[in-house]
Every structure is written in C-alpha cells, then in structure tokens.
N, C-alpha and C. Protein backbone atom coordinates (compact mmCIF):
# COMPACT_ATOMS: atom_id res chain seq x y z
N MET A 1 36.32 54.32 164.06
CA MET A 1 36.20 52.89 164.25
C MET A 1 37.58 52.33 164.55
N GLN A 2 37.67 51.47 165.51
CA GLN A 2 38.90 50.87 165.88
C GLN A 2 39.32 49.79 164.87
N PRO A 3 40.64 49.63 164.52
CA PRO A 3 41.00 48.63 163.54
C PRO A 3 40.55 47.24 163.82
N SER A 4 40.58 46.85 165.07
CA SER A 4 40.16 45.48 165.42
C SER A 4 38.66 45.32 165.15
N THR A 5 37.83 46.36 165.42
CA THR A 5 36.43 46.26 165.12
C THR A 5 36.18 46.25 163.66
N PHE A 6 36.88 47.12 162.91
CA PHE A 6 36.72 47.12 161.46
C PHE A 6 37.17 45.78 160.87
N TYR A 7 38.27 45.24 161.30
CA TYR A 7 38.71 43.95 160.80
C TYR A 7 37.59 42.89 161.08
N GLN A 8 36.99 42.90 162.27
CA GLN A 8 35.99 41.91 162.58
C GLN A 8 34.78 42.08 161.65
N ASP A 9 34.39 43.30 161.41
CA ASP A 9 33.28 43.54 160.52
C ASP A 9 33.59 43.02 159.08
N VAL A 10 34.82 43.23 158.66
CA VAL A 10 35.22 42.73 157.37
C VAL A 10 35.13 41.22 157.34
N TYR A 11 35.65 40.54 158.41
CA TYR A 11 35.65 39.08 158.48
C TYR A 11 34.20 38.57 158.51
N ASP A 12 33.31 39.28 159.19
CA ASP A 12 31.91 38.85 159.21
C ASP A 12 31.30 38.86 157.82
N VAL A 13 31.69 39.81 156.99
CA VAL A 13 31.13 39.86 155.61
C VAL A 13 31.81 38.80 154.77
N VAL A 14 33.08 38.63 154.89
CA VAL A 14 33.80 37.66 154.08
C VAL A 14 33.33 36.25 154.34
N LYS A 15 32.99 35.96 155.57
CA LYS A 15 32.49 34.59 155.92
C LYS A 15 31.20 34.27 155.21
N LEU A 16 30.51 35.29 154.69
CA LEU A 16 29.19 35.09 154.05
C LEU A 16 29.35 34.94 152.50
N ILE A 17 30.53 35.11 152.03
CA ILE A 17 30.70 34.99 150.51
C ILE A 17 30.51 33.51 150.17
N PRO A 18 29.56 33.21 149.27
CA PRO A 18 29.29 31.78 148.94
C PRO A 18 30.43 31.14 148.27
N HIS A 19 30.48 29.81 148.45
CA HIS A 19 31.42 28.97 147.74
C HIS A 19 31.31 29.20 146.22
N GLY A 20 32.41 29.40 145.57
CA GLY A 20 32.37 29.62 144.11
C GLY A 20 32.07 30.99 143.64
N ARG A 21 32.06 31.92 144.62
CA ARG A 21 31.81 33.37 144.28
C ARG A 21 32.93 34.18 144.90
N VAL A 22 33.09 35.41 144.35
CA VAL A 22 34.12 36.32 144.89
C VAL A 22 33.58 37.70 145.00
N THR A 23 34.21 38.52 145.80
CA THR A 23 33.88 39.95 145.90
C THR A 23 35.21 40.72 145.88
N SER A 24 35.02 42.05 145.96
CA SER A 24 36.21 42.89 145.91
C SER A 24 36.39 43.62 147.24
N TYR A 25 37.60 44.09 147.43
CA TYR A 25 37.95 44.91 148.60
C TYR A 25 37.00 46.13 148.66
N GLY A 26 36.84 46.79 147.56
CA GLY A 26 35.99 47.96 147.48
C GLY A 26 34.52 47.68 147.77
N ALA A 27 34.00 46.55 147.31
CA ALA A 27 32.61 46.24 147.56
C ALA A 27 32.36 45.99 149.06
N ILE A 28 33.31 45.36 149.70
CA ILE A 28 33.23 45.15 151.17
C ILE A 28 33.31 46.53 151.91
N ALA A 29 34.18 47.36 151.50
CA ALA A 29 34.32 48.69 152.15
C ALA A 29 33.08 49.50 151.95
N ALA A 30 32.51 49.49 150.73
CA ALA A 30 31.28 50.25 150.50
C ALA A 30 30.16 49.70 151.33
N TYR A 31 30.04 48.37 151.41
CA TYR A 31 28.98 47.80 152.21
C TYR A 31 29.08 48.17 153.69
N LEU A 32 30.31 48.30 154.17
CA LEU A 32 30.50 48.71 155.57
C LEU A 32 30.38 50.17 155.82
N GLY A 33 30.11 50.94 154.73
CA GLY A 33 29.93 52.39 154.93
C GLY A 33 31.26 53.18 154.90
N THR A 34 32.32 52.54 154.45
CA THR A 34 33.62 53.15 154.43
C THR A 34 34.22 53.02 153.00
N LYS A 35 33.47 53.55 152.02
CA LYS A 35 33.79 53.40 150.65
C LYS A 35 35.26 53.54 150.24
N GLY A 36 35.95 54.54 150.85
CA GLY A 36 37.31 54.83 150.49
C GLY A 36 38.37 53.95 151.16
N SER A 37 37.92 52.91 151.87
CA SER A 37 38.88 52.13 152.69
C SER A 37 39.13 50.72 152.17
N SER A 38 39.11 50.57 150.85
CA SER A 38 39.34 49.20 150.28
C SER A 38 40.77 48.75 150.67
N ARG A 39 41.72 49.63 150.79
CA ARG A 39 43.06 49.20 151.20
C ARG A 39 43.03 48.59 152.62
N LEU A 40 42.28 49.20 153.50
CA LEU A 40 42.11 48.65 154.81
C LEU A 40 41.45 47.27 154.79
N VAL A 41 40.57 47.03 153.91
CA VAL A 41 39.97 45.70 153.74
C VAL A 41 41.09 44.76 153.36
N GLY A 42 42.00 45.17 152.51
CA GLY A 42 43.15 44.34 152.05
C GLY A 42 44.04 44.06 153.26
N TYR A 43 44.24 45.05 154.12
CA TYR A 43 45.06 44.76 155.31
C TYR A 43 44.35 43.73 156.22
N ALA A 44 43.02 43.87 156.28
CA ALA A 44 42.31 42.90 157.13
C ALA A 44 42.42 41.44 156.55
N MET A 45 42.37 41.38 155.23
CA MET A 45 42.54 40.06 154.62
C MET A 45 43.91 39.51 154.85
N ASN A 46 44.89 40.34 154.71
CA ASN A 46 46.26 39.91 154.98
C ASN A 46 46.39 39.41 156.44
N ASN A 47 45.81 40.14 157.35
CA ASN A 47 45.86 39.83 158.75
C ASN A 47 45.13 38.50 159.04
N SER A 48 43.97 38.28 158.32
CA SER A 48 43.21 37.07 158.54
C SER A 48 43.94 35.79 158.25
N ILE A 49 44.79 35.86 157.21
CA ILE A 49 45.55 34.69 156.82
C ILE A 49 46.49 34.32 157.93
N LYS A 50 47.01 35.29 158.70
CA LYS A 50 48.00 35.01 159.76
C LYS A 50 47.28 34.70 161.11
N THR A 51 46.11 35.30 161.34
CA THR A 51 45.59 35.26 162.73
C THR A 51 44.20 34.67 162.90
N ALA A 52 43.37 34.81 161.86
CA ALA A 52 41.97 34.39 162.07
C ALA A 52 41.71 33.17 161.19
N SER A 53 41.09 32.15 161.79
CA SER A 53 40.80 30.95 161.04
C SER A 53 39.34 30.97 160.52
N GLY A 54 39.11 30.23 159.47
CA GLY A 54 37.78 30.17 158.93
C GLY A 54 37.34 31.36 158.10
N ILE A 55 38.31 32.21 157.68
CA ILE A 55 38.00 33.34 156.89
C ILE A 55 38.44 32.95 155.44
N PRO A 56 37.42 32.90 154.47
CA PRO A 56 37.83 32.58 153.13
C PRO A 56 38.38 33.75 152.36
N ALA A 57 39.54 34.21 152.81
CA ALA A 57 40.17 35.42 152.24
C ALA A 57 40.47 35.29 150.72
N HIS A 58 40.60 34.04 150.29
CA HIS A 58 40.88 33.80 148.86
C HIS A 58 39.71 34.27 147.96
N ARG A 59 38.56 34.51 148.53
CA ARG A 59 37.40 34.95 147.74
C ARG A 59 37.33 36.46 147.61
N VAL A 60 38.32 37.19 148.08
CA VAL A 60 38.32 38.64 148.00
C VAL A 60 39.51 39.05 147.02
N VAL A 61 39.12 39.73 145.96
CA VAL A 61 40.07 40.10 144.89
C VAL A 61 39.92 41.59 144.61
N ASN A 62 40.70 42.10 143.68
CA ASN A 62 40.54 43.54 143.32
C ASN A 62 39.33 43.74 142.45
N ARG A 63 39.04 44.99 142.15
CA ARG A 63 37.83 45.31 141.42
C ARG A 63 37.80 44.80 140.02
N ASN A 64 38.96 44.34 139.46
CA ASN A 64 39.01 43.78 138.12
C ASN A 64 39.06 42.28 138.13
N GLY A 65 38.97 41.69 139.25
CA GLY A 65 39.09 40.21 139.38
C GLY A 65 40.50 39.71 139.40
N LEU A 66 41.45 40.55 139.64
CA LEU A 66 42.88 40.09 139.78
C LEU A 66 43.17 39.56 141.15
N LEU A 67 43.98 38.57 141.19
CA LEU A 67 44.40 37.94 142.50
C LEU A 67 45.51 38.77 143.09
N THR A 68 45.25 39.97 143.47
CA THR A 68 46.33 40.88 143.97
C THR A 68 46.85 40.44 145.36
N GLY A 69 46.05 39.66 146.12
CA GLY A 69 46.48 39.23 147.44
C GLY A 69 47.20 37.91 147.45
N LYS A 70 47.45 37.31 146.31
CA LYS A 70 47.96 35.97 146.26
C LYS A 70 49.33 35.79 146.94
N PHE A 71 50.12 36.80 147.11
CA PHE A 71 51.41 36.69 147.72
C PHE A 71 51.34 36.46 149.19
N HIS A 72 50.22 36.73 149.82
CA HIS A 72 50.02 36.56 151.24
C HIS A 72 49.55 35.15 151.62
N PHE A 73 49.42 34.32 150.62
CA PHE A 73 48.87 32.98 150.90
C PHE A 73 49.99 31.91 151.06
N GLY A 74 51.22 32.29 150.96
CA GLY A 74 52.27 31.30 151.02
C GLY A 74 52.67 30.89 149.66
N PRO A 75 52.57 29.61 149.31
CA PRO A 75 52.92 29.19 147.96
C PRO A 75 52.17 30.05 146.92
N SER A 76 52.83 30.44 145.89
CA SER A 76 52.30 31.44 144.96
C SER A 76 50.98 31.04 144.29
N ASP A 77 50.71 29.73 144.18
CA ASP A 77 49.43 29.30 143.51
C ASP A 77 48.32 28.97 144.51
N GLU A 78 48.52 29.10 145.79
CA GLU A 78 47.59 28.64 146.78
C GLU A 78 46.20 29.36 146.59
N MET A 79 46.21 30.66 146.41
CA MET A 79 44.97 31.39 146.23
C MET A 79 44.23 30.93 144.98
N LYS A 80 45.02 30.82 143.92
CA LYS A 80 44.48 30.31 142.63
C LYS A 80 43.87 28.93 142.76
N ASN A 81 44.62 28.08 143.42
CA ASN A 81 44.13 26.65 143.59
C ASN A 81 42.89 26.61 144.33
N LYS A 82 42.78 27.40 145.40
CA LYS A 82 41.52 27.41 146.26
C LYS A 82 40.32 27.88 145.38
N LEU A 83 40.57 28.91 144.60
CA LEU A 83 39.45 29.39 143.73
C LEU A 83 39.10 28.40 142.67
N GLU A 84 40.12 27.77 142.06
CA GLU A 84 39.84 26.74 141.04
C GLU A 84 39.09 25.54 141.63
N ASN A 85 39.46 25.21 142.85
CA ASN A 85 38.76 24.07 143.52
C ASN A 85 37.28 24.40 143.81
N GLU A 86 36.97 25.69 143.76
CA GLU A 86 35.55 26.10 143.91
C GLU A 86 34.87 26.28 142.55
N GLY A 87 35.60 25.98 141.50
CA GLY A 87 35.02 26.00 140.18
C GLY A 87 35.24 27.26 139.30
N LEU A 88 36.01 28.15 139.85
CA LEU A 88 36.36 29.38 139.12
C LEU A 88 37.51 29.16 138.14
N GLN A 89 37.46 29.83 137.04
CA GLN A 89 38.56 29.77 136.01
C GLN A 89 39.49 30.98 136.25
N ILE A 90 40.78 30.71 136.34
CA ILE A 90 41.80 31.74 136.52
C ILE A 90 42.76 31.66 135.35
N VAL A 91 42.94 32.82 134.70
CA VAL A 91 43.95 32.88 133.61
C VAL A 91 44.77 34.14 133.91
N ASP A 92 46.10 33.91 133.96
CA ASP A 92 47.04 35.01 134.22
C ASP A 92 46.63 35.82 135.46
N ASN A 93 46.33 35.06 136.49
CA ASN A 93 45.96 35.64 137.85
C ASN A 93 44.72 36.48 137.76
N GLN A 94 43.87 36.24 136.80
CA GLN A 94 42.59 36.99 136.74
C GLN A 94 41.40 36.01 136.63
N ILE A 95 40.38 36.32 137.37
CA ILE A 95 39.12 35.45 137.35
C ILE A 95 38.43 35.69 136.04
N GLN A 96 38.13 34.61 135.36
CA GLN A 96 37.34 34.69 134.12
C GLN A 96 35.84 34.74 134.47
N ASN A 97 35.09 35.37 133.66
CA ASN A 97 33.65 35.59 133.88
C ASN A 97 33.39 36.26 135.22
N PHE A 98 34.26 37.24 135.54
CA PHE A 98 34.23 37.94 136.81
C PHE A 98 32.85 38.50 137.15
N LYS A 99 32.20 39.16 136.18
CA LYS A 99 30.86 39.69 136.51
C LYS A 99 29.84 38.61 136.90
N THR A 100 30.04 37.45 136.38
CA THR A 100 29.10 36.35 136.64
C THR A 100 29.27 35.76 138.06
N VAL A 101 30.49 35.73 138.53
CA VAL A 101 30.79 35.14 139.88
C VAL A 101 30.90 36.17 140.93
N PHE A 102 30.82 37.46 140.54
CA PHE A 102 30.95 38.56 141.50
C PHE A 102 29.80 38.59 142.49
N TRP A 103 30.07 38.62 143.75
CA TRP A 103 29.08 38.67 144.84
C TRP A 103 29.15 40.04 145.48
N ASN A 104 28.14 40.84 145.38
CA ASN A 104 28.11 42.15 145.96
C ASN A 104 27.35 42.18 147.25
N PRO A 105 28.04 42.40 148.40
CA PRO A 105 27.33 42.35 149.67
C PRO A 105 26.21 43.39 149.77
N ALA A 106 26.34 44.48 149.10
CA ALA A 106 25.32 45.53 149.16
C ALA A 106 24.03 45.02 148.56
N ASN A 107 24.13 44.13 147.53
CA ASN A 107 22.95 43.60 146.95
C ASN A 107 22.44 42.34 147.65
N GLU A 108 23.35 41.60 148.24
CA GLU A 108 23.02 40.29 148.83
C GLU A 108 22.68 40.32 150.33
N LEU A 109 23.13 41.34 151.03
CA LEU A 109 22.94 41.43 152.46
C LEU A 109 22.16 42.69 152.81
N ALA A 110 21.40 42.63 153.85
CA ALA A 110 20.71 43.85 154.41
C ALA A 110 21.48 44.33 155.59
N LEU A 111 21.70 45.56 155.68
CA LEU A 111 22.47 46.11 156.87
C LEU A 111 21.50 46.08 158.06
C-alpha cells in the first residue's frame, strides 16, 4: 500500500470519529487491516496537522488515552483544549473515563 493511499484511508476513518469521542492509533490500524502499523497512523496524524484540513487529529490518542501527539499541535495545550471543548476530561495529559469515550471503528463501521 502506498503511503499516500494509507494516509487517506486513515483520514477517512478519523473524519468519522464523533464529536466528544476518541480512538487510538492501534484501533485505526486494526480497522484498516494493518494491525501492526499504529506508528504509521501516528505519522499520518502528524502529517494531517501540516497538510490536510478538516481532519480531527486531536481525537486520536494512544491505547491508554494519553495525548502522545500533543506536541504536533503547536501550543502545548491545543490538543487538550480541543478535547476539553468537546466535553472530555483530561488530567495529566490522559483522558479520564477513556473506556466510556473510546470509539472503536471496528465496532462502529462496516468495511
């Protein structure tokens, strides 16, 4: 799979994450049939901040609900602020009630 095609597939999934919900890099990778490529999903998210508009990259976090991508958003609290504006609680860069707000594309979308 070409990186640009993979990135577009990632963006298409991320655009479907509902307001006030989050998913993980690994959940997106698994949904796309590339279970071991969560790092590539992270690269796609980093790229989206720079080049693609309308991608809610702030809704993608690590498997524990940590805001590991926050440094790519510019000001250090931008990712946190976006999530809090959607009603999520963040403490020490970690989403509270993560299991409750977690959106799993494998369960929510049909391939």
